[in-house]
Amino acid sequence: QTDYNNDGNTDIFVLRGAWLGKGYGNQP
């Protein structure tokens, strides 16, 4: 969680692609 825009609402950061290595892990 974060509040990247300082509006008092809790935002979310989703992290992807771990462990998938060459090709398959290139996810946003």
mmCIF file of all heavy atoms, coordinates in Angstrom:
data_MODEL
# 
_entry.id   MODEL 
# 
loop_
_atom_site.group_PDB 
_atom_site.id 
_atom_site.type_symbol 
_atom_site.label_atom_id 
_atom_site.label_alt_id 
_atom_site.label_comp_id 
_atom_site.label_asym_id 
_atom_site.label_entity_id 
_atom_site.label_seq_id 
_atom_site.pdbx_PDB_ins_code 
_atom_site.Cartn_x 
_atom_site.Cartn_y 
_atom_site.Cartn_z 
_atom_site.occupancy 
_atom_site.B_iso_or_equiv 
_atom_site.pdbx_formal_charge 
_atom_site.auth_seq_id 
_atom_site.auth_comp_id 
_atom_site.auth_asym_id 
_atom_site.auth_atom_id 
_atom_site.pdbx_PDB_model_num 
ATOM 1   N N   . GLN A 1 1  ? 0.827  -1.191  0.000   1.00 0.00 ? 1  GLN A N   1 
ATOM 2   C CA  . GLN A 1 1  ? 0.000  0.000   0.000   1.00 0.00 ? 1  GLN A CA  1 
ATOM 3   C C   . GLN A 1 1  ? 0.869  1.252   0.000   1.00 0.00 ? 1  GLN A C   1 
ATOM 4   O O   . GLN A 1 1  ? 2.015  1.236   0.449   1.00 0.00 ? 1  GLN A O   1 
ATOM 5   C CB  . GLN A 1 1  ? -0.979 0.010   1.177   1.00 0.00 ? 1  GLN A CB  1 
ATOM 6   C CG  . GLN A 1 1  ? -0.388 0.360   2.540   1.00 0.00 ? 1  GLN A CG  1 
ATOM 7   C CD  . GLN A 1 1  ? 0.136  -0.829  3.294   1.00 0.00 ? 1  GLN A CD  1 
ATOM 8   O OE1 . GLN A 1 1  ? 0.979  -1.558  2.774   1.00 0.00 ? 1  GLN A OE1 1 
ATOM 9   N NE2 . GLN A 1 1  ? -0.337 -1.026  4.523   1.00 0.00 ? 1  GLN A NE2 1 
ATOM 10  N N   . THR A 1 2  ? 0.289  2.335   -0.509  1.00 0.00 ? 2  THR A N   1 
ATOM 11  C CA  . THR A 1 2  ? 0.980  3.615   -0.563  1.00 0.00 ? 2  THR A CA  1 
ATOM 12  C C   . THR A 1 2  ? -0.088 4.702   -0.668  1.00 0.00 ? 2  THR A C   1 
ATOM 13  O O   . THR A 1 2  ? -1.280 4.396   -0.750  1.00 0.00 ? 2  THR A O   1 
ATOM 14  C CB  . THR A 1 2  ? 1.943  3.674   -1.769  1.00 0.00 ? 2  THR A CB  1 
ATOM 15  O OG1 . THR A 1 2  ? 2.656  4.906   -1.773  1.00 0.00 ? 2  THR A OG1 1 
ATOM 16  C CG2 . THR A 1 2  ? 1.204  3.536   -3.092  1.00 0.00 ? 2  THR A CG2 1 
ATOM 17  N N   . ASP A 1 3  ? 0.326  5.956   -0.640  1.00 0.00 ? 3  ASP A N   1 
ATOM 18  C CA  . ASP A 1 3  ? -0.546 7.071   -0.997  1.00 0.00 ? 3  ASP A CA  1 
ATOM 19  C C   . ASP A 1 3  ? 0.296  7.979   -1.872  1.00 0.00 ? 3  ASP A C   1 
ATOM 20  O O   . ASP A 1 3  ? 0.824  8.999   -1.421  1.00 0.00 ? 3  ASP A O   1 
ATOM 21  C CB  . ASP A 1 3  ? -1.067 7.789   0.249   1.00 0.00 ? 3  ASP A CB  1 
ATOM 22  C CG  . ASP A 1 3  ? -2.080 8.894   -0.088  1.00 0.00 ? 3  ASP A CG  1 
ATOM 23  O OD1 . ASP A 1 3  ? -2.350 9.102   -1.291  1.00 0.00 ? 3  ASP A OD1 1 
ATOM 24  O OD2 . ASP A 1 3  ? -2.581 9.552   0.843   1.00 0.00 ? 3  ASP A OD2 1 
ATOM 25  N N   . TYR A 1 4  ? 0.420  7.579   -3.133  1.00 0.00 ? 4  TYR A N   1 
ATOM 26  C CA  . TYR A 1 4  ? 1.380  8.235   -4.024  1.00 0.00 ? 4  TYR A CA  1 
ATOM 27  C C   . TYR A 1 4  ? 0.960  9.657   -4.384  1.00 0.00 ? 4  TYR A C   1 
ATOM 28  O O   . TYR A 1 4  ? 1.797  10.497  -4.729  1.00 0.00 ? 4  TYR A O   1 
ATOM 29  C CB  . TYR A 1 4  ? 1.568  7.400   -5.297  1.00 0.00 ? 4  TYR A CB  1 
ATOM 30  C CG  . TYR A 1 4  ? 0.443  7.545   -6.298  1.00 0.00 ? 4  TYR A CG  1 
ATOM 31  C CD1 . TYR A 1 4  ? 0.537  8.428   -7.374  1.00 0.00 ? 4  TYR A CD1 1 
ATOM 32  C CD2 . TYR A 1 4  ? -0.737 6.819   -6.165  1.00 0.00 ? 4  TYR A CD2 1 
ATOM 33  C CE1 . TYR A 1 4  ? -0.498 8.573   -8.285  1.00 0.00 ? 4  TYR A CE1 1 
ATOM 34  C CE2 . TYR A 1 4  ? -1.771 6.948   -7.063  1.00 0.00 ? 4  TYR A CE2 1 
ATOM 35  C CZ  . TYR A 1 4  ? -1.648 7.824   -8.124  1.00 0.00 ? 4  TYR A CZ  1 
ATOM 36  O OH  . TYR A 1 4  ? -2.686 7.964   -9.023  1.00 0.00 ? 4  TYR A OH  1 
ATOM 37  N N   . ASN A 1 5  ? -0.364 9.959   -4.316  1.00 0.00 ? 5  ASN A N   1 
ATOM 38  C CA  . ASN A 1 5  ? -0.838 11.276  -4.734  1.00 0.00 ? 5  ASN A CA  1 
ATOM 39  C C   . ASN A 1 5  ? -1.310 12.143  -3.575  1.00 0.00 ? 5  ASN A C   1 
ATOM 40  O O   . ASN A 1 5  ? -1.933 13.191  -3.782  1.00 0.00 ? 5  ASN A O   1 
ATOM 41  C CB  . ASN A 1 5  ? -1.953 11.130  -5.768  1.00 0.00 ? 5  ASN A CB  1 
ATOM 42  C CG  . ASN A 1 5  ? -3.112 10.271  -5.261  1.00 0.00 ? 5  ASN A CG  1 
ATOM 43  O OD1 . ASN A 1 5  ? -3.070 9.765   -4.137  1.00 0.00 ? 5  ASN A OD1 1 
ATOM 44  N ND2 . ASN A 1 5  ? -4.122 10.094  -6.091  1.00 0.00 ? 5  ASN A ND2 1 
ATOM 45  N N   . ASN A 1 6  ? -1.031 11.706  -2.338  1.00 0.00 ? 6  ASN A N   1 
ATOM 46  C CA  . ASN A 1 6  ? -1.318 12.516  -1.144  1.00 0.00 ? 6  ASN A CA  1 
ATOM 47  C C   . ASN A 1 6  ? -2.784 12.948  -1.048  1.00 0.00 ? 6  ASN A C   1 
ATOM 48  O O   . ASN A 1 6  ? -3.088 14.065  -0.610  1.00 0.00 ? 6  ASN A O   1 
ATOM 49  C CB  . ASN A 1 6  ? -0.424 13.767  -1.114  1.00 0.00 ? 6  ASN A CB  1 
ATOM 50  C CG  . ASN A 1 6  ? 0.932  13.489  -0.487  1.00 0.00 ? 6  ASN A CG  1 
ATOM 51  O OD1 . ASN A 1 6  ? 1.125  12.473  0.180   1.00 0.00 ? 6  ASN A OD1 1 
ATOM 52  N ND2 . ASN A 1 6  ? 1.890  14.378  -0.714  1.00 0.00 ? 6  ASN A ND2 1 
ATOM 53  N N   . ASP A 1 7  ? -3.707 12.045  -1.429  1.00 0.00 ? 7  ASP A N   1 
ATOM 54  C CA  . ASP A 1 7  ? -5.119 12.408  -1.337  1.00 0.00 ? 7  ASP A CA  1 
ATOM 55  C C   . ASP A 1 7  ? -5.817 11.767  -0.141  1.00 0.00 ? 7  ASP A C   1 
ATOM 56  O O   . ASP A 1 7  ? -7.024 11.911  0.045   1.00 0.00 ? 7  ASP A O   1 
ATOM 57  C CB  . ASP A 1 7  ? -5.859 12.048  -2.630  1.00 0.00 ? 7  ASP A CB  1 
ATOM 58  C CG  . ASP A 1 7  ? -5.957 10.546  -2.871  1.00 0.00 ? 7  ASP A CG  1 
ATOM 59  O OD1 . ASP A 1 7  ? -5.315 9.771   -2.118  1.00 0.00 ? 7  ASP A OD1 1 
ATOM 60  O OD2 . ASP A 1 7  ? -6.663 10.142  -3.817  1.00 0.00 ? 7  ASP A OD2 1 
ATOM 61  N N   . GLY A 1 8  ? -5.050 11.031  0.682   1.00 0.00 ? 8  GLY A N   1 
ATOM 62  C CA  . GLY A 1 8  ? -5.618 10.411  1.868   1.00 0.00 ? 8  GLY A CA  1 
ATOM 63  C C   . GLY A 1 8  ? -6.290 9.084   1.627   1.00 0.00 ? 8  GLY A C   1 
ATOM 64  O O   . GLY A 1 8  ? -6.820 8.476   2.564   1.00 0.00 ? 8  GLY A O   1 
ATOM 65  N N   . ASN A 1 9  ? -6.271 8.593   0.380   1.00 0.00 ? 9  ASN A N   1 
ATOM 66  C CA  . ASN A 1 9  ? -6.824 7.281   0.053   1.00 0.00 ? 9  ASN A CA  1 
ATOM 67  C C   . ASN A 1 9  ? -5.690 6.301   -0.190  1.00 0.00 ? 9  ASN A C   1 
ATOM 68  O O   . ASN A 1 9  ? -4.715 6.628   -0.881  1.00 0.00 ? 9  ASN A O   1 
ATOM 69  C CB  . ASN A 1 9  ? -7.713 7.365   -1.195  1.00 0.00 ? 9  ASN A CB  1 
ATOM 70  C CG  . ASN A 1 9  ? -8.916 8.250   -0.981  1.00 0.00 ? 9  ASN A CG  1 
ATOM 71  O OD1 . ASN A 1 9  ? -9.598 8.147   0.036   1.00 0.00 ? 9  ASN A OD1 1 
ATOM 72  N ND2 . ASN A 1 9  ? -9.178 9.147   -1.931  1.00 0.00 ? 9  ASN A ND2 1 
ATOM 73  N N   . THR A 1 10 ? -5.816 5.110   0.361   1.00 0.00 ? 10 THR A N   1 
ATOM 74  C CA  . THR A 1 10 ? -4.732 4.131   0.309   1.00 0.00 ? 10 THR A CA  1 
ATOM 75  C C   . THR A 1 10 ? -4.700 3.439   -1.047  1.00 0.00 ? 10 THR A C   1 
ATOM 76  O O   . THR A 1 10 ? -5.638 2.728   -1.422  1.00 0.00 ? 10 THR A O   1 
ATOM 77  C CB  . THR A 1 10 ? -4.897 3.094   1.430   1.00 0.00 ? 10 THR A CB  1 
ATOM 78  O OG1 . THR A 1 10 ? -4.939 3.772   2.688   1.00 0.00 ? 10 THR A OG1 1 
ATOM 79  C CG2 . THR A 1 10 ? -3.748 2.105   1.426   1.00 0.00 ? 10 THR A CG2 1 
ATOM 80  N N   . ASP A 1 11 ? -3.611 3.648   -1.787  1.00 0.00 ? 11 ASP A N   1 
ATOM 81  C CA  . ASP A 1 11 ? -3.425 3.071   -3.113  1.00 0.00 ? 11 ASP A CA  1 
ATOM 82  C C   . ASP A 1 11 ? -2.684 1.735   -3.005  1.00 0.00 ? 11 ASP A C   1 
ATOM 83  O O   . ASP A 1 11 ? -2.214 1.354   -1.928  1.00 0.00 ? 11 ASP A O   1 
ATOM 84  C CB  . ASP A 1 11 ? -2.653 4.045   -3.999  1.00 0.00 ? 11 ASP A CB  1 
ATOM 85  C CG  . ASP A 1 11 ? -3.228 5.456   -3.949  1.00 0.00 ? 11 ASP A CG  1 
ATOM 86  O OD1 . ASP A 1 11 ? -4.414 5.610   -4.265  1.00 0.00 ? 11 ASP A OD1 1 
ATOM 87  O OD2 . ASP A 1 11 ? -2.482 6.394   -3.578  1.00 0.00 ? 11 ASP A OD2 1 
ATOM 88  N N   . ILE A 1 12 ? -2.544 1.039   -4.143  1.00 0.00 ? 12 ILE A N   1 
ATOM 89  C CA  . ILE A 1 12 ? -1.933 -0.293  -4.158  1.00 0.00 ? 12 ILE A CA  1 
ATOM 90  C C   . ILE A 1 12 ? -0.863 -0.360  -5.241  1.00 0.00 ? 12 ILE A C   1 
ATOM 91  O O   . ILE A 1 12 ? -1.061 0.142   -6.361  1.00 0.00 ? 12 ILE A O   1 
ATOM 92  C CB  . ILE A 1 12 ? -2.989 -1.383  -4.420  1.00 0.00 ? 12 ILE A CB  1 
ATOM 93  C CG1 . ILE A 1 12 ? -4.081 -1.347  -3.346  1.00 0.00 ? 12 ILE A CG1 1 
ATOM 94  C CG2 . ILE A 1 12 ? -2.352 -2.772  -4.468  1.00 0.00 ? 12 ILE A CG2 1 
ATOM 95  C CD1 . ILE A 1 12 ? -5.255 -2.276  -3.644  1.00 0.00 ? 12 ILE A CD1 1 
ATOM 96  N N   . PHE A 1 13 ? 0.248  -0.996  -4.927  1.00 0.00 ? 13 PHE A N   1 
ATOM 97  C CA  . PHE A 1 13 ? 1.296  -1.275  -5.909  1.00 0.00 ? 13 PHE A CA  1 
ATOM 98  C C   . PHE A 1 13 ? 1.420  -2.787  -6.032  1.00 0.00 ? 13 PHE A C   1 
ATOM 99  O O   . PHE A 1 13 ? 1.642  -3.479  -5.034  1.00 0.00 ? 13 PHE A O   1 
ATOM 100 C CB  . PHE A 1 13 ? 2.619  -0.657  -5.456  1.00 0.00 ? 13 PHE A CB  1 
ATOM 101 C CG  . PHE A 1 13 ? 3.672  -0.577  -6.532  1.00 0.00 ? 13 PHE A CG  1 
ATOM 102 C CD1 . PHE A 1 13 ? 3.376  -0.113  -7.802  1.00 0.00 ? 13 PHE A CD1 1 
ATOM 103 C CD2 . PHE A 1 13 ? 4.981  -0.959  -6.270  1.00 0.00 ? 13 PHE A CD2 1 
ATOM 104 C CE1 . PHE A 1 13 ? 4.345  -0.026  -8.794  1.00 0.00 ? 13 PHE A CE1 1 
ATOM 105 C CE2 . PHE A 1 13 ? 5.965  -0.876  -7.238  1.00 0.00 ? 13 PHE A CE2 1 
ATOM 106 C CZ  . PHE A 1 13 ? 5.648  -0.408  -8.509  1.00 0.00 ? 13 PHE A CZ  1 
ATOM 107 N N   . VAL A 1 14 ? 1.240  -3.308  -7.253  1.00 0.00 ? 14 VAL A N   1 
ATOM 108 C CA  . VAL A 1 14 ? 1.265  -4.744  -7.528  1.00 0.00 ? 14 VAL A CA  1 
ATOM 109 C C   . VAL A 1 14 ? 2.570  -5.085  -8.247  1.00 0.00 ? 14 VAL A C   1 
ATOM 110 O O   . VAL A 1 14 ? 2.902  -4.469  -9.265  1.00 0.00 ? 14 VAL A O   1 
ATOM 111 C CB  . VAL A 1 14 ? 0.074  -5.167  -8.406  1.00 0.00 ? 14 VAL A CB  1 
ATOM 112 C CG1 . VAL A 1 14 ? 0.055  -6.678  -8.604  1.00 0.00 ? 14 VAL A CG1 1 
ATOM 113 C CG2 . VAL A 1 14 ? -1.240 -4.697  -7.799  1.00 0.00 ? 14 VAL A CG2 1 
ATOM 114 N N   . LEU A 1 15 ? 3.290  -6.066  -7.724  1.00 0.00 ? 15 LEU A N   1 
ATOM 115 C CA  . LEU A 1 15 ? 4.609  -6.433  -8.265  1.00 0.00 ? 15 LEU A CA  1 
ATOM 116 C C   . LEU A 1 15 ? 4.521  -7.803  -8.930  1.00 0.00 ? 15 LEU A C   1 
ATOM 117 O O   . LEU A 1 15 ? 4.053  -8.768  -8.336  1.00 0.00 ? 15 LEU A O   1 
ATOM 118 C CB  . LEU A 1 15 ? 5.638  -6.432  -7.138  1.00 0.00 ? 15 LEU A CB  1 
ATOM 119 C CG  . LEU A 1 15 ? 5.825  -5.043  -6.519  1.00 0.00 ? 15 LEU A CG  1 
ATOM 120 C CD1 . LEU A 1 15 ? 6.113  -5.141  -5.043  1.00 0.00 ? 15 LEU A CD1 1 
ATOM 121 C CD2 . LEU A 1 15 ? 6.932  -4.288  -7.234  1.00 0.00 ? 15 LEU A CD2 1 
ATOM 122 N N   . ARG A 1 16 ? 5.015  -7.889  -10.166 1.00 0.00 ? 16 ARG A N   1 
ATOM 123 C CA  . ARG A 1 16 ? 4.821  -9.103  -10.965 1.00 0.00 ? 16 ARG A CA  1 
ATOM 124 C C   . ARG A 1 16 ? 6.117  -9.598  -11.623 1.00 0.00 ? 16 ARG A C   1 
ATOM 125 O O   . ARG A 1 16 ? 7.074  -8.859  -11.773 1.00 0.00 ? 16 ARG A O   1 
ATOM 126 C CB  . ARG A 1 16 ? 3.809  -8.844  -12.088 1.00 0.00 ? 16 ARG A CB  1 
ATOM 127 C CG  . ARG A 1 16 ? 2.433  -8.412  -11.652 1.00 0.00 ? 16 ARG A CG  1 
ATOM 128 C CD  . ARG A 1 16 ? 1.475  -8.392  -12.839 1.00 0.00 ? 16 ARG A CD  1 
ATOM 129 N NE  . ARG A 1 16 ? 0.142  -7.952  -12.455 1.00 0.00 ? 16 ARG A NE  1 
ATOM 130 C CZ  . ARG A 1 16 ? -0.294 -6.701  -12.563 1.00 0.00 ? 16 ARG A CZ  1 
ATOM 131 N NH1 . ARG A 1 16 ? 0.518  -5.771  -13.047 1.00 0.00 ? 16 ARG A NH1 1 
ATOM 132 N NH2 . ARG A 1 16 ? -1.515 -6.384  -12.198 1.00 0.00 ? 16 ARG A NH2 1 
ATOM 133 N N   . GLY A 1 17 ? 6.051  -10.880 -12.049 1.00 0.00 ? 17 GLY A N   1 
ATOM 134 C CA  . GLY A 1 17 ? 7.073  -11.459 -12.921 1.00 0.00 ? 17 GLY A CA  1 
ATOM 135 C C   . GLY A 1 17 ? 8.183  -12.201 -12.219 1.00 0.00 ? 17 GLY A C   1 
ATOM 136 O O   . GLY A 1 17 ? 9.029  -12.815 -12.872 1.00 0.00 ? 17 GLY A O   1 
ATOM 137 N N   . ALA A 1 18 ? 8.205  -12.176 -10.871 1.00 0.00 ? 18 ALA A N   1 
ATOM 138 C CA  . ALA A 1 18 ? 9.307  -12.799 -10.137 1.00 0.00 ? 18 ALA A CA  1 
ATOM 139 C C   . ALA A 1 18 ? 9.406  -14.291 -10.426 1.00 0.00 ? 18 ALA A C   1 
ATOM 140 O O   . ALA A 1 18 ? 8.404  -14.966 -10.653 1.00 0.00 ? 18 ALA A O   1 
ATOM 141 C CB  . ALA A 1 18 ? 9.120  -12.571 -8.645  1.00 0.00 ? 18 ALA A CB  1 
ATOM 142 N N   . TRP A 1 19 ? 10.636 -14.788 -10.413 1.00 0.00 ? 19 TRP A N   1 
ATOM 143 C CA  . TRP A 1 19 ? 10.986 -16.198 -10.568 1.00 0.00 ? 19 TRP A CA  1 
ATOM 144 C C   . TRP A 1 19 ? 10.792 -16.737 -11.984 1.00 0.00 ? 19 TRP A C   1 
ATOM 145 O O   . TRP A 1 19 ? 11.212 -17.867 -12.267 1.00 0.00 ? 19 TRP A O   1 
ATOM 146 C CB  . TRP A 1 19 ? 10.190 -17.096 -9.613  1.00 0.00 ? 19 TRP A CB  1 
ATOM 147 C CG  . TRP A 1 19 ? 10.484 -16.939 -8.167  1.00 0.00 ? 19 TRP A CG  1 
ATOM 148 C CD1 . TRP A 1 19 ? 9.629  -16.509 -7.197  1.00 0.00 ? 19 TRP A CD1 1 
ATOM 149 C CD2 . TRP A 1 19 ? 11.730 -17.205 -7.496  1.00 0.00 ? 19 TRP A CD2 1 
ATOM 150 N NE1 . TRP A 1 19 ? 10.244 -16.499 -5.971  1.00 0.00 ? 19 TRP A NE1 1 
ATOM 151 C CE2 . TRP A 1 19 ? 11.530 -16.927 -6.123  1.00 0.00 ? 19 TRP A CE2 1 
ATOM 152 C CE3 . TRP A 1 19 ? 12.977 -17.661 -7.923  1.00 0.00 ? 19 TRP A CE3 1 
ATOM 153 C CZ2 . TRP A 1 19 ? 12.550 -17.081 -5.175  1.00 0.00 ? 19 TRP A CZ2 1 
ATOM 154 C CZ3 . TRP A 1 19 ? 13.991 -17.811 -6.981  1.00 0.00 ? 19 TRP A CZ3 1 
ATOM 155 C CH2 . TRP A 1 19 ? 13.770 -17.525 -5.631  1.00 0.00 ? 19 TRP A CH2 1 
ATOM 156 N N   . LEU A 1 20 ? 10.184 -15.980 -12.882 1.00 0.00 ? 20 LEU A N   1 
ATOM 157 C CA  . LEU A 1 20 ? 9.836  -16.534 -14.190 1.00 0.00 ? 20 LEU A CA  1 
ATOM 158 C C   . LEU A 1 20 ? 10.947 -16.433 -15.212 1.00 0.00 ? 20 LEU A C   1 
ATOM 159 O O   . LEU A 1 20 ? 10.829 -16.979 -16.308 1.00 0.00 ? 20 LEU A O   1 
ATOM 160 C CB  . LEU A 1 20 ? 8.566  -15.851 -14.716 1.00 0.00 ? 20 LEU A CB  1 
ATOM 161 C CG  . LEU A 1 20 ? 7.300  -16.209 -13.940 1.00 0.00 ? 20 LEU A CG  1 
ATOM 162 C CD1 . LEU A 1 20 ? 6.141  -15.338 -14.383 1.00 0.00 ? 20 LEU A CD1 1 
ATOM 163 C CD2 . LEU A 1 20 ? 6.966  -17.677 -14.098 1.00 0.00 ? 20 LEU A CD2 1 
ATOM 164 N N   . GLY A 1 21 ? 12.013 -15.719 -14.873 1.00 0.00 ? 21 GLY A N   1 
ATOM 165 C CA  . GLY A 1 21 ? 13.210 -15.753 -15.697 1.00 0.00 ? 21 GLY A CA  1 
ATOM 166 C C   . GLY A 1 21 ? 13.045 -15.115 -17.064 1.00 0.00 ? 21 GLY A C   1 
ATOM 167 O O   . GLY A 1 21 ? 12.153 -14.311 -17.325 1.00 0.00 ? 21 GLY A O   1 
ATOM 168 N N   . LYS A 1 22 ? 13.906 -15.517 -17.962 1.00 0.00 ? 22 LYS A N   1 
ATOM 169 C CA  . LYS A 1 22 ? 13.996 -14.916 -19.289 1.00 0.00 ? 22 LYS A CA  1 
ATOM 170 C C   . LYS A 1 22 ? 12.682 -15.072 -20.050 1.00 0.00 ? 22 LYS A C   1 
ATOM 171 O O   . LYS A 1 22 ? 12.142 -16.151 -20.173 1.00 0.00 ? 22 LYS A O   1 
ATOM 172 C CB  . LYS A 1 22 ? 15.130 -15.561 -20.076 1.00 0.00 ? 22 LYS A CB  1 
ATOM 173 C CG  . LYS A 1 22 ? 15.400 -14.907 -21.425 1.00 0.00 ? 22 LYS A CG  1 
ATOM 174 C CD  . LYS A 1 22 ? 16.595 -15.541 -22.097 1.00 0.00 ? 22 LYS A CD  1 
ATOM 175 C CE  . LYS A 1 22 ? 16.883 -14.862 -23.434 1.00 0.00 ? 22 LYS A CE  1 
ATOM 176 N NZ  . LYS A 1 22 ? 18.055 -15.452 -24.107 1.00 0.00 ? 22 LYS A NZ  1 
ATOM 177 N N   . GLY A 1 23 ? 12.183 -13.978 -20.541 1.00 0.00 ? 23 GLY A N   1 
ATOM 178 C CA  . GLY A 1 23 ? 10.975 -14.011 -21.361 1.00 0.00 ? 23 GLY A CA  1 
ATOM 179 C C   . GLY A 1 23 ? 9.707  -13.927 -20.566 1.00 0.00 ? 23 GLY A C   1 
ATOM 180 O O   . GLY A 1 23 ? 8.956  -12.958 -20.665 1.00 0.00 ? 23 GLY A O   1 
ATOM 181 N N   . TYR A 1 24 ? 9.433  -14.926 -19.724 1.00 0.00 ? 24 TYR A N   1 
ATOM 182 C CA  . TYR A 1 24 ? 8.138  -15.011 -19.054 1.00 0.00 ? 24 TYR A CA  1 
ATOM 183 C C   . TYR A 1 24 ? 7.995  -14.030 -17.897 1.00 0.00 ? 24 TYR A C   1 
ATOM 184 O O   . TYR A 1 24 ? 6.887  -13.711 -17.480 1.00 0.00 ? 24 TYR A O   1 
ATOM 185 C CB  . TYR A 1 24 ? 7.910  -16.440 -18.561 1.00 0.00 ? 24 TYR A CB  1 
ATOM 186 C CG  . TYR A 1 24 ? 7.996  -17.452 -19.682 1.00 0.00 ? 24 TYR A CG  1 
ATOM 187 C CD1 . TYR A 1 24 ? 9.086  -18.321 -19.777 1.00 0.00 ? 24 TYR A CD1 1 
ATOM 188 C CD2 . TYR A 1 24 ? 7.019  -17.507 -20.665 1.00 0.00 ? 24 TYR A CD2 1 
ATOM 189 C CE1 . TYR A 1 24 ? 9.177  -19.226 -20.819 1.00 0.00 ? 24 TYR A CE1 1 
ATOM 190 C CE2 . TYR A 1 24 ? 7.105  -18.415 -21.701 1.00 0.00 ? 24 TYR A CE2 1 
ATOM 191 C CZ  . TYR A 1 24 ? 8.197  -19.269 -21.782 1.00 0.00 ? 24 TYR A CZ  1 
ATOM 192 O OH  . TYR A 1 24 ? 8.289  -20.164 -22.816 1.00 0.00 ? 24 TYR A OH  1 
ATOM 193 N N   . GLY A 1 25 ? 9.098  -13.557 -17.360 1.00 0.00 ? 25 GLY A N   1 
ATOM 194 C CA  . GLY A 1 25 ? 9.035  -12.640 -16.224 1.00 0.00 ? 25 GLY A CA  1 
ATOM 195 C C   . GLY A 1 25 ? 8.949  -11.180 -16.600 1.00 0.00 ? 25 GLY A C   1 
ATOM 196 O O   . GLY A 1 25 ? 8.838  -10.323 -15.728 1.00 0.00 ? 25 GLY A O   1 
ATOM 197 N N   . ASN A 1 26 ? 8.989  -10.879 -17.873 1.00 0.00 ? 26 ASN A N   1 
ATOM 198 C CA  . ASN A 1 26 ? 8.935  -9.481  -18.300 1.00 0.00 ? 26 ASN A CA  1 
ATOM 199 C C   . ASN A 1 26 ? 7.495  -8.980  -18.266 1.00 0.00 ? 26 ASN A C   1 
ATOM 200 O O   . ASN A 1 26 ? 6.846  -8.779  -19.295 1.00 0.00 ? 26 ASN A O   1 
ATOM 201 C CB  . ASN A 1 26 ? 9.528  -9.343  -19.699 1.00 0.00 ? 26 ASN A CB  1 
ATOM 202 C CG  . ASN A 1 26 ? 11.014 -9.622  -19.679 1.00 0.00 ? 26 ASN A CG  1 
ATOM 203 O OD1 . ASN A 1 26 ? 11.764 -8.965  -18.969 1.00 0.00 ? 26 ASN A OD1 1 
ATOM 204 N ND2 . ASN A 1 26 ? 11.433 -10.615 -20.429 1.00 0.00 ? 26 ASN A ND2 1 
ATOM 205 N N   . GLN A 1 27 ? 7.010  -8.790  -17.055 1.00 0.00 ? 27 GLN A N   1 
ATOM 206 C CA  . GLN A 1 27 ? 5.639  -8.370  -16.828 1.00 0.00 ? 27 GLN A CA  1 
ATOM 207 C C   . GLN A 1 27 ? 5.641  -6.997  -16.158 1.00 0.00 ? 27 GLN A C   1 
ATOM 208 O O   . GLN A 1 27 ? 6.536  -6.679  -15.381 1.00 0.00 ? 27 GLN A O   1 
ATOM 209 C CB  . GLN A 1 27 ? 4.915  -9.374  -15.929 1.00 0.00 ? 27 GLN A CB  1 
ATOM 210 C CG  . GLN A 1 27 ? 4.874  -10.784 -16.490 1.00 0.00 ? 27 GLN A CG  1 
ATOM 211 C CD  . GLN A 1 27 ? 4.213  -11.765 -15.533 1.00 0.00 ? 27 GLN A CD  1 
ATOM 212 O OE1 . GLN A 1 27 ? 3.613  -11.381 -14.533 1.00 0.00 ? 27 GLN A OE1 1 
ATOM 213 N NE2 . GLN A 1 27 ? 4.345  -13.049 -15.836 1.00 0.00 ? 27 GLN A NE2 1 
ATOM 214 N N   . PRO A 1 28 ? 4.635  -6.184  -16.435 1.00 0.00 ? 28 PRO A N   1 
ATOM 215 C CA  . PRO A 1 28 ? 4.575  -4.872  -15.786 1.00 0.00 ? 28 PRO A CA  1 
ATOM 216 C C   . PRO A 1 28 ? 4.092  -4.996  -14.352 1.00 0.00 ? 28 PRO A C   1 
ATOM 217 O O   . PRO A 1 28 ? 3.332  -5.892  -14.008 1.00 0.00 ? 28 PRO A O   1 
ATOM 218 C CB  . PRO A 1 28 ? 3.547  -4.120  -16.633 1.00 0.00 ? 28 PRO A CB  1 
ATOM 219 C CG  . PRO A 1 28 ? 2.618  -5.205  -17.107 1.00 0.00 ? 28 PRO A CG  1 
ATOM 220 C CD  . PRO A 1 28 ? 3.505  -6.420  -17.342 1.00 0.00 ? 28 PRO A CD  1 
# 
